[in-house]
Amino acid sequence: MEKIYQEEFQQRVLQAEHPVVVDFFADWCGPCKMLAPVLEQLERDNDEVEFFKINIDENPEIAEQYEVMSIPNVGFFKGGELVDRSVGFKSADEMQSFIDSNK
């Protein structure tokens, strides 16, 4: 998964032609580290969805804008809008269901 920064967020996420999954994470977050390989596998399995990760400690304005209060926090963006979010560690099947329900 490609790591992006605040200055790229508008173009890469909000102006994306396809749905986008954004993993809001922090390096110190254990559950985030557990979720990362799950999302990397889902990225390979879901060609029609783009995946990015953004470190909330390095990009606090984005975290505040999208009210990321706890992590891992996975946002699903469609048409430039946050349409859903998943908070906490989830299994691959649970995350795939989350993606499928928002496509």
Protein backbone atom coordinates (compact mmCIF):
# COMPACT_ATOMS: atom_id res chain seq x y z
CA MET A 1 0.00 0.00 0.00
CA GLU A 2 1.27 3.38 -0.94
CA LYS A 3 1.76 5.89 1.87
CA ILE A 4 0.50 9.37 1.04
CA TYR A 5 0.67 12.76 2.74
CA GLN A 6 -1.71 15.64 3.31
CA GLU A 7 -0.58 17.55 0.23
CA GLU A 8 -1.47 14.55 -1.97
CA PHE A 9 -4.79 13.72 -0.30
CA GLN A 10 -6.98 16.01 -2.42
CA GLN A 11 -5.71 14.66 -5.73
CA ARG A 12 -5.12 11.00 -4.84
CA VAL A 13 -8.23 10.40 -2.71
CA LEU A 14 -10.86 13.10 -3.17
CA GLN A 15 -10.41 13.45 -6.94
CA ALA A 16 -9.91 9.74 -7.64
CA GLU A 17 -11.93 8.18 -10.44
CA HIS A 18 -12.36 4.94 -8.48
CA PRO A 19 -13.42 4.21 -4.90
CA VAL A 20 -10.56 4.61 -2.44
CA VAL A 21 -9.76 2.84 0.83
CA VAL A 22 -7.62 4.92 3.20
CA ASP A 23 -5.92 3.31 6.17
CA PHE A 24 -5.43 5.97 8.87
CA PHE A 25 -2.65 4.53 11.04
CA ALA A 26 0.28 5.30 13.35
CA ASP A 27 3.64 3.55 13.63
CA TRP A 28 3.12 2.89 17.35
CA CYS A 29 -0.29 1.21 16.88
CA GLY A 30 -0.17 -2.58 17.33
CA PRO A 31 -3.59 -3.32 15.78
CA CYS A 32 -2.60 -1.11 12.81
CA LYS A 33 0.43 -3.31 12.23
CA MET A 34 -1.82 -6.38 12.35
CA LEU A 35 -4.27 -4.85 9.86
CA ALA A 36 -1.62 -3.77 7.34
CA PRO A 37 -1.05 -7.22 5.74
CA VAL A 38 -4.81 -7.77 5.58
CA LEU A 39 -5.25 -4.54 3.62
CA GLU A 40 -2.25 -5.33 1.41
CA GLN A 41 -3.88 -8.64 0.43
CA LEU A 42 -7.21 -6.94 -0.21
CA GLU A 43 -5.45 -4.39 -2.39
CA ARG A 44 -4.21 -7.24 -4.59
CA ASP A 45 -7.70 -8.79 -4.69
CA ASN A 46 -9.69 -5.60 -5.48
CA ASP A 47 -8.48 -4.06 -8.72
CA GLU A 48 -11.38 -1.62 -8.95
CA VAL A 49 -10.54 0.05 -5.61
CA GLU A 50 -7.45 2.14 -4.83
CA PHE A 51 -5.73 1.73 -1.46
CA PHE A 52 -3.61 4.28 0.41
CA LYS A 53 -2.36 4.69 3.95
CA ILE A 54 -1.81 7.92 5.82
CA ASN A 55 0.07 8.32 9.10
CA ILE A 56 -2.07 10.40 11.46
CA ASP A 57 0.96 11.59 13.46
CA GLU A 58 2.55 13.01 10.31
CA ASN A 59 -0.76 14.39 8.96
CA PRO A 60 -2.78 15.61 11.96
CA GLU A 61 -4.91 18.02 9.90
CA ILE A 62 -6.35 15.16 7.81
CA ALA A 63 -6.97 13.10 10.95
CA GLU A 64 -8.80 16.02 12.52
CA GLN A 65 -10.77 16.82 9.37
CA TYR A 66 -12.08 13.24 9.17
CA GLU A 67 -12.53 12.91 12.95
CA VAL A 68 -10.14 10.00 13.33
CA MET A 69 -10.37 9.47 17.07
CA SER A 70 -9.13 5.89 17.29
CA ILE A 71 -7.04 3.66 15.06
CA PRO A 72 -6.89 1.57 13.02
CA ASN A 73 -9.47 3.59 11.16
CA VAL A 74 -10.19 2.67 7.56
CA GLY A 75 -12.17 5.14 5.47
CA PHE A 76 -14.01 4.33 2.25
CA PHE A 77 -14.12 7.30 -0.12
CA LYS A 78 -16.34 7.50 -3.17
CA GLY A 79 -16.83 10.54 -5.37
CA GLY A 80 -14.67 12.66 -3.10
CA GLU A 81 -16.71 11.89 0.02
CA LEU A 82 -16.11 9.69 3.04
CA VAL A 83 -19.03 7.26 2.76
CA ASP A 84 -18.13 4.76 5.48
CA ARG A 85 -15.45 3.81 7.98
CA SER A 86 -14.28 0.74 9.82
CA VAL A 87 -12.68 1.22 13.24
CA GLY A 88 -10.50 -1.36 14.93
CA PHE A 89 -8.86 -4.54 13.69
CA LYS A 90 -11.02 -6.64 11.38
CA SER A 91 -10.37 -9.95 9.65
CA ALA A 92 -9.84 -10.18 5.90
CA ASP A 93 -13.41 -11.44 5.43
CA GLU A 94 -14.83 -8.58 7.50
CA MET A 95 -12.79 -6.01 5.59
CA GLN A 96 -13.80 -7.51 2.24
CA SER A 97 -17.45 -7.25 3.28
CA PHE A 98 -16.85 -3.63 4.26
CA ILE A 99 -15.38 -2.93 0.81
CA ASP A 100 -18.09 -4.84 -1.05
CA SER A 101 -20.88 -3.02 0.79
CA ASN A 102 -19.47 0.36 -0.26
CA LYS A 103 -18.41 -0.16 -3.89
